[in-house]
Amino acid sequence: MTSGKPATILPLTREAAWQRYLELTREVDAADYAETEAEAWDELQAALERLPARPDDAA
């Protein structure tokens, strides 16, 4: 069973990771926004770190 965070589990693109972030934060109540956004940001950063480097990013 998965943890419910497909962006942090599945291989994906930068665009898919950002789309997941936007989906998680799009319709959140103001009272819950800060916590939800922080969790979504952490998930986004973790997903982006797992992506392979683009050839133009390689040193």
PDB file of N, CA and C in Angstrom:
ATOM      1  N   MET A   1       0.848  -1.181   0.000  1.00  0.00           N
ATOM      2  CA  MET A   1       0.000   0.000   0.000  1.00  0.00           C
ATOM      3  C   MET A   1       0.892   1.242   0.000  1.00  0.00           C
ATOM      4  N   THR A   2       0.497   2.268  -0.730  1.00  0.00           N
ATOM      5  CA  THR A   2       1.294   3.490  -0.801  1.00  0.00           C
ATOM      6  C   THR A   2       0.938   4.437   0.326  1.00  0.00           C
ATOM      7  N   SER A   3       1.784   5.440   0.515  1.00  0.00           N
ATOM      8  CA  SER A   3       1.552   6.398   1.590  1.00  0.00           C
ATOM      9  C   SER A   3       0.557   7.483   1.204  1.00  0.00           C
ATOM     10  N   GLY A   4       0.095   7.472  -0.050  1.00  0.00           N
ATOM     11  CA  GLY A   4      -0.824   8.510  -0.487  1.00  0.00           C
ATOM     12  C   GLY A   4      -0.123   9.722  -1.052  1.00  0.00           C
ATOM     13  N   LYS A   5       1.175   9.616  -1.241  1.00  0.00           N
ATOM     14  CA  LYS A   5       1.945  10.728  -1.790  1.00  0.00           C
ATOM     15  C   LYS A   5       2.631  10.277  -3.082  1.00  0.00           C
ATOM     16  N   PRO A   6       1.872  10.145  -4.168  1.00  0.00           N
ATOM     17  CA  PRO A   6       2.449   9.622  -5.392  1.00  0.00           C
ATOM     18  C   PRO A   6       3.584  10.477  -5.945  1.00  0.00           C
ATOM     19  N   ALA A   7       3.581  11.759  -5.701  1.00  0.00           N
ATOM     20  CA  ALA A   7       4.651  12.606  -6.220  1.00  0.00           C
ATOM     21  C   ALA A   7       5.989  12.269  -5.584  1.00  0.00           C
ATOM     22  N   THR A   8       5.981  11.707  -4.399  1.00  0.00           N
ATOM     23  CA  THR A   8       7.238  11.367  -3.751  1.00  0.00           C
ATOM     24  C   THR A   8       7.621   9.916  -3.990  1.00  0.00           C
ATOM     25  N   ILE A   9       6.759   9.159  -4.657  1.00  0.00           N
ATOM     26  CA  ILE A   9       7.014   7.742  -4.867  1.00  0.00           C
ATOM     27  C   ILE A   9       7.309   7.455  -6.342  1.00  0.00           C
ATOM     28  N   LEU A  10       6.488   7.960  -7.218  1.00  0.00           N
ATOM     29  CA  LEU A  10       6.597   7.643  -8.630  1.00  0.00           C
ATOM     30  C   LEU A  10       7.667   8.480  -9.324  1.00  0.00           C
ATOM     31  N   PRO A  11       8.344   7.899 -10.311  1.00  0.00           N
ATOM     32  CA  PRO A  11       9.226   8.718 -11.139  1.00  0.00           C
ATOM     33  C   PRO A  11       8.354   9.703 -11.919  1.00  0.00           C
ATOM     34  N   LEU A  12       8.778  10.916 -12.037  1.00  0.00           N
ATOM     35  CA  LEU A  12       7.958  11.921 -12.688  1.00  0.00           C
ATOM     36  C   LEU A  12       8.816  13.036 -13.241  1.00  0.00           C
ATOM     37  N   THR A  13       8.168  13.980 -13.848  1.00  0.00           N
ATOM     38  CA  THR A  13       8.857  15.134 -14.411  1.00  0.00           C
ATOM     39  C   THR A  13       8.763  16.304 -13.442  1.00  0.00           C
ATOM     40  N   ARG A  14       9.576  17.309 -13.693  1.00  0.00           N
ATOM     41  CA  ARG A  14       9.470  18.541 -12.900  1.00  0.00           C
ATOM     42  C   ARG A  14       8.067  19.121 -13.000  1.00  0.00           C
ATOM     43  N   GLU A  15       7.524  19.093 -14.202  1.00  0.00           N
ATOM     44  CA  GLU A  15       6.182  19.645 -14.421  1.00  0.00           C
ATOM     45  C   GLU A  15       5.127  18.884 -13.610  1.00  0.00           C
ATOM     46  N   ALA A  16       5.251  17.568 -13.558  1.00  0.00           N
ATOM     47  CA  ALA A  16       4.300  16.770 -12.782  1.00  0.00           C
ATOM     48  C   ALA A  16       4.435  17.054 -11.287  1.00  0.00           C
ATOM     49  N   ALA A  17       5.663  17.243 -10.827  1.00  0.00           N
ATOM     50  CA  ALA A  17       5.876  17.559  -9.411  1.00  0.00           C
ATOM     51  C   ALA A  17       5.229  18.897  -9.053  1.00  0.00           C
ATOM     52  N   TRP A  18       5.422  19.898  -9.917  1.00  0.00           N
ATOM     53  CA  TRP A  18       4.813  21.204  -9.670  1.00  0.00           C
ATOM     54  C   TRP A  18       3.291  21.124  -9.764  1.00  0.00           C
ATOM     55  N   GLN A  19       2.767  20.337 -10.692  1.00  0.00           N
ATOM     56  CA  GLN A  19       1.317  20.182 -10.813  1.00  0.00           C
ATOM     57  C   GLN A  19       0.740  19.583  -9.533  1.00  0.00           C
ATOM     58  N   ARG A  20       1.428  18.595  -8.980  1.00  0.00           N
ATOM     59  CA  ARG A  20       0.989  17.984  -7.717  1.00  0.00           C
ATOM     60  C   ARG A  20       0.940  19.030  -6.609  1.00  0.00           C
ATOM     61  N   TYR A  21       1.983  19.875  -6.519  1.00  0.00           N
ATOM     62  CA  TYR A  21       2.022  20.951  -5.528  1.00  0.00           C
ATOM     63  C   TYR A  21       0.808  21.863  -5.690  1.00  0.00           C
ATOM     64  N   LEU A  22       0.533  22.266  -6.920  1.00  0.00           N
ATOM     65  CA  LEU A  22      -0.598  23.156  -7.167  1.00  0.00           C
ATOM     66  C   LEU A  22      -1.929  22.497  -6.807  1.00  0.00           C
ATOM     67  N   GLU A  23      -2.059  21.212  -7.120  1.00  0.00           N
ATOM     68  CA  GLU A  23      -3.288  20.496  -6.784  1.00  0.00           C
ATOM     69  C   GLU A  23      -3.498  20.423  -5.272  1.00  0.00           C
ATOM     70  N   LEU A  24      -2.409  20.208  -4.533  1.00  0.00           N
ATOM     71  CA  LEU A  24      -2.519  20.098  -3.077  1.00  0.00           C
ATOM     72  C   LEU A  24      -2.868  21.436  -2.418  1.00  0.00           C
ATOM     73  N   THR A  25      -2.481  22.535  -3.029  1.00  0.00           N
ATOM     74  CA  THR A  25      -2.690  23.845  -2.401  1.00  0.00           C
ATOM     75  C   THR A  25      -3.829  24.650  -3.009  1.00  0.00           C
ATOM     76  N   ARG A  26      -4.398  24.175  -4.079  1.00  0.00           N
ATOM     77  CA  ARG A  26      -5.372  24.954  -4.837  1.00  0.00           C
ATOM     78  C   ARG A  26      -6.630  25.323  -4.060  1.00  0.00           C
ATOM     79  N   GLU A  27      -7.276  24.399  -3.435  1.00  0.00           N
ATOM     80  CA  GLU A  27      -8.582  24.664  -2.817  1.00  0.00           C
ATOM     81  C   GLU A  27      -8.572  24.432  -1.315  1.00  0.00           C
ATOM     82  N   VAL A  28      -7.524  24.880  -0.665  1.00  0.00           N
ATOM     83  CA  VAL A  28      -7.378  24.688   0.772  1.00  0.00           C
ATOM     84  C   VAL A  28      -7.994  25.882   1.502  1.00  0.00           C
ATOM     85  N   ASP A  29      -8.706  25.604   2.581  1.00  0.00           N
ATOM     86  CA  ASP A  29      -9.276  26.676   3.404  1.00  0.00           C
ATOM     87  C   ASP A  29      -8.153  27.551   3.956  1.00  0.00           C
ATOM     88  N   ALA A  30      -8.439  28.810   4.140  1.00  0.00           N
ATOM     89  CA  ALA A  30      -7.442  29.751   4.648  1.00  0.00           C
ATOM     90  C   ALA A  30      -6.861  29.298   5.984  1.00  0.00           C
ATOM     91  N   ALA A  31      -7.684  28.728   6.831  1.00  0.00           N
ATOM     92  CA  ALA A  31      -7.227  28.299   8.154  1.00  0.00           C
ATOM     93  C   ALA A  31      -6.205  27.173   8.064  1.00  0.00           C
ATOM     94  N   ASP A  32      -6.298  26.354   7.026  1.00  0.00           N
ATOM     95  CA  ASP A  32      -5.407  25.205   6.869  1.00  0.00           C
ATOM     96  C   ASP A  32      -4.286  25.455   5.873  1.00  0.00           C
ATOM     97  N   TYR A  33      -4.287  26.614   5.227  1.00  0.00           N
ATOM     98  CA  TYR A  33      -3.382  26.833   4.114  1.00  0.00           C
ATOM     99  C   TYR A  33      -1.900  26.748   4.507  1.00  0.00           C
ATOM    100  N   ALA A  34      -1.505  27.411   5.558  1.00  0.00           N
ATOM    101  CA  ALA A  34      -0.080  27.452   5.921  1.00  0.00           C
ATOM    102  C   ALA A  34       0.486  26.045   6.135  1.00  0.00           C
ATOM    103  N   GLU A  35      -0.225  25.238   6.878  1.00  0.00           N
ATOM    104  CA  GLU A  35       0.254  23.870   7.140  1.00  0.00           C
ATOM    105  C   GLU A  35       0.253  23.027   5.866  1.00  0.00           C
ATOM    106  N   THR A  36      -0.836  23.109   5.090  1.00  0.00           N
ATOM    107  CA  THR A  36      -0.932  22.331   3.857  1.00  0.00           C
ATOM    108  C   THR A  36       0.128  22.759   2.859  1.00  0.00           C
ATOM    109  N   GLU A  37       0.351  24.063   2.740  1.00  0.00           N
ATOM    110  CA  GLU A  37       1.345  24.556   1.793  1.00  0.00           C
ATOM    111  C   GLU A  37       2.738  24.104   2.198  1.00  0.00           C
ATOM    112  N   ALA A  38       3.047  24.143   3.471  1.00  0.00           N
ATOM    113  CA  ALA A  38       4.373  23.718   3.946  1.00  0.00           C
ATOM    114  C   ALA A  38       4.592  22.233   3.645  1.00  0.00           C
ATOM    115  N   GLU A  39       3.582  21.412   3.866  1.00  0.00           N
ATOM    116  CA  GLU A  39       3.695  19.979   3.576  1.00  0.00           C
ATOM    117  C   GLU A  39       3.843  19.752   2.066  1.00  0.00           C
ATOM    118  N   ALA A  40       3.067  20.478   1.278  1.00  0.00           N
ATOM    119  CA  ALA A  40       3.146  20.344  -0.174  1.00  0.00           C
ATOM    120  C   ALA A  40       4.517  20.800  -0.680  1.00  0.00           C
ATOM    121  N   TRP A  41       5.057  21.867  -0.091  1.00  0.00           N
ATOM    122  CA  TRP A  41       6.384  22.361  -0.477  1.00  0.00           C
ATOM    123  C   TRP A  41       7.458  21.314  -0.169  1.00  0.00           C
ATOM    124  N   ASP A  42       7.385  20.705   1.006  1.00  0.00           N
ATOM    125  CA  ASP A  42       8.348  19.660   1.367  1.00  0.00           C
ATOM    126  C   ASP A  42       8.249  18.481   0.394  1.00  0.00           C
ATOM    127  N   GLU A  43       7.037  18.096   0.052  1.00  0.00           N
ATOM    128  CA  GLU A  43       6.832  16.998  -0.898  1.00  0.00           C
ATOM    129  C   GLU A  43       7.407  17.365  -2.261  1.00  0.00           C
ATOM    130  N   LEU A  44       7.169  18.594  -2.694  1.00  0.00           N
ATOM    131  CA  LEU A  44       7.703  19.061  -3.974  1.00  0.00           C
ATOM    132  C   LEU A  44       9.224  19.002  -3.978  1.00  0.00           C
ATOM    133  N   GLN A  45       9.843  19.510  -2.934  1.00  0.00           N
ATOM    134  CA  GLN A  45      11.306  19.513  -2.868  1.00  0.00           C
ATOM    135  C   GLN A  45      11.866  18.094  -2.893  1.00  0.00           C
ATOM    136  N   ALA A  46      11.230  17.184  -2.165  1.00  0.00           N
ATOM    137  CA  ALA A  46      11.677  15.787  -2.148  1.00  0.00           C
ATOM    138  C   ALA A  46      11.544  15.165  -3.536  1.00  0.00           C
ATOM    139  N   ALA A  47      10.447  15.441  -4.213  1.00  0.00           N
ATOM    140  CA  ALA A  47      10.236  14.891  -5.554  1.00  0.00           C
ATOM    141  C   ALA A  47      11.267  15.447  -6.526  1.00  0.00           C
ATOM    142  N   LEU A  48      11.539  16.738  -6.455  1.00  0.00           N
ATOM    143  CA  LEU A  48      12.503  17.348  -7.366  1.00  0.00           C
ATOM    144  C   LEU A  48      13.917  16.820  -7.124  1.00  0.00           C
ATOM    145  N   GLU A  49      14.254  16.537  -5.885  1.00  0.00           N
ATOM    146  CA  GLU A  49      15.581  16.003  -5.571  1.00  0.00           C
ATOM    147  C   GLU A  49      15.787  14.610  -6.162  1.00  0.00           C
ATOM    148  N   ARG A  50      14.713  13.844  -6.318  1.00  0.00           N
ATOM    149  CA  ARG A  50      14.830  12.489  -6.841  1.00  0.00           C
ATOM    150  C   ARG A  50      14.889  12.439  -8.361  1.00  0.00           C
ATOM    151  N   LEU A  51      14.573  13.526  -9.024  1.00  0.00           N
ATOM    152  CA  LEU A  51      14.617  13.521 -10.490  1.00  0.00           C
ATOM    153  C   LEU A  51      16.076  13.497 -10.958  1.00  0.00           C
ATOM    154  N   PRO A  52      16.317  12.807 -12.052  1.00  0.00           N
ATOM    155  CA  PRO A  52      17.679  12.826 -12.589  1.00  0.00           C
ATOM    156  C   PRO A  52      18.037  14.233 -13.076  1.00  0.00           C
ATOM    157  N   ALA A  53      19.313  14.556 -13.016  1.00  0.00           N
ATOM    158  CA  ALA A  53      19.771  15.861 -13.479  1.00  0.00           C
ATOM    159  C   ALA A  53      19.569  15.947 -14.986  1.00  0.00           C
ATOM    160  N   ARG A  54      19.182  17.115 -15.440  1.00  0.00           N
ATOM    161  CA  ARG A  54      19.061  17.336 -16.878  1.00  0.00           C
ATOM    162  C   ARG A  54      20.475  17.417 -17.453  1.00  0.00           C
ATOM    163  N   PRO A  55      20.659  17.004 -18.689  1.00  0.00           N
ATOM    164  CA  PRO A  55      22.001  17.056 -19.277  1.00  0.00           C
ATOM    165  C   PRO A  55      22.643  18.440 -19.196  1.00  0.00           C
ATOM    166  N   ASP A  56      21.860  19.504 -19.343  1.00  0.00           N
ATOM    167  CA  ASP A  56      22.430  20.848 -19.274  1.00  0.00           C
ATOM    168  C   ASP A  56      22.742  21.260 -17.846  1.00  0.00           C
ATOM    169  N   ASP A  57      22.247  20.501 -16.837  1.00  0.00           N
ATOM    170  CA  ASP A  57      22.548  20.782 -15.428  1.00  0.00           C
ATOM    171  C   ASP A  57      23.795  20.047 -14.963  1.00  0.00           C
ATOM    172  N   ALA A  58      24.197  19.051 -15.713  1.00  0.00           N
ATOM    173  CA  ALA A  58      25.356  18.241 -15.305  1.00  0.00           C
ATOM    174  C   ALA A  58      26.626  19.062 -15.427  1.00  0.00           C
ATOM    175  N   ALA A  59      27.510  18.871 -14.462  1.00  0.00           N
ATOM    176  CA  ALA A  59      28.754  19.649 -14.503  1.00  0.00           C
ATOM    177  C   ALA A  59      29.903  18.812 -14.994  1.00  0.00           C
TER     178      ALA A  59
END
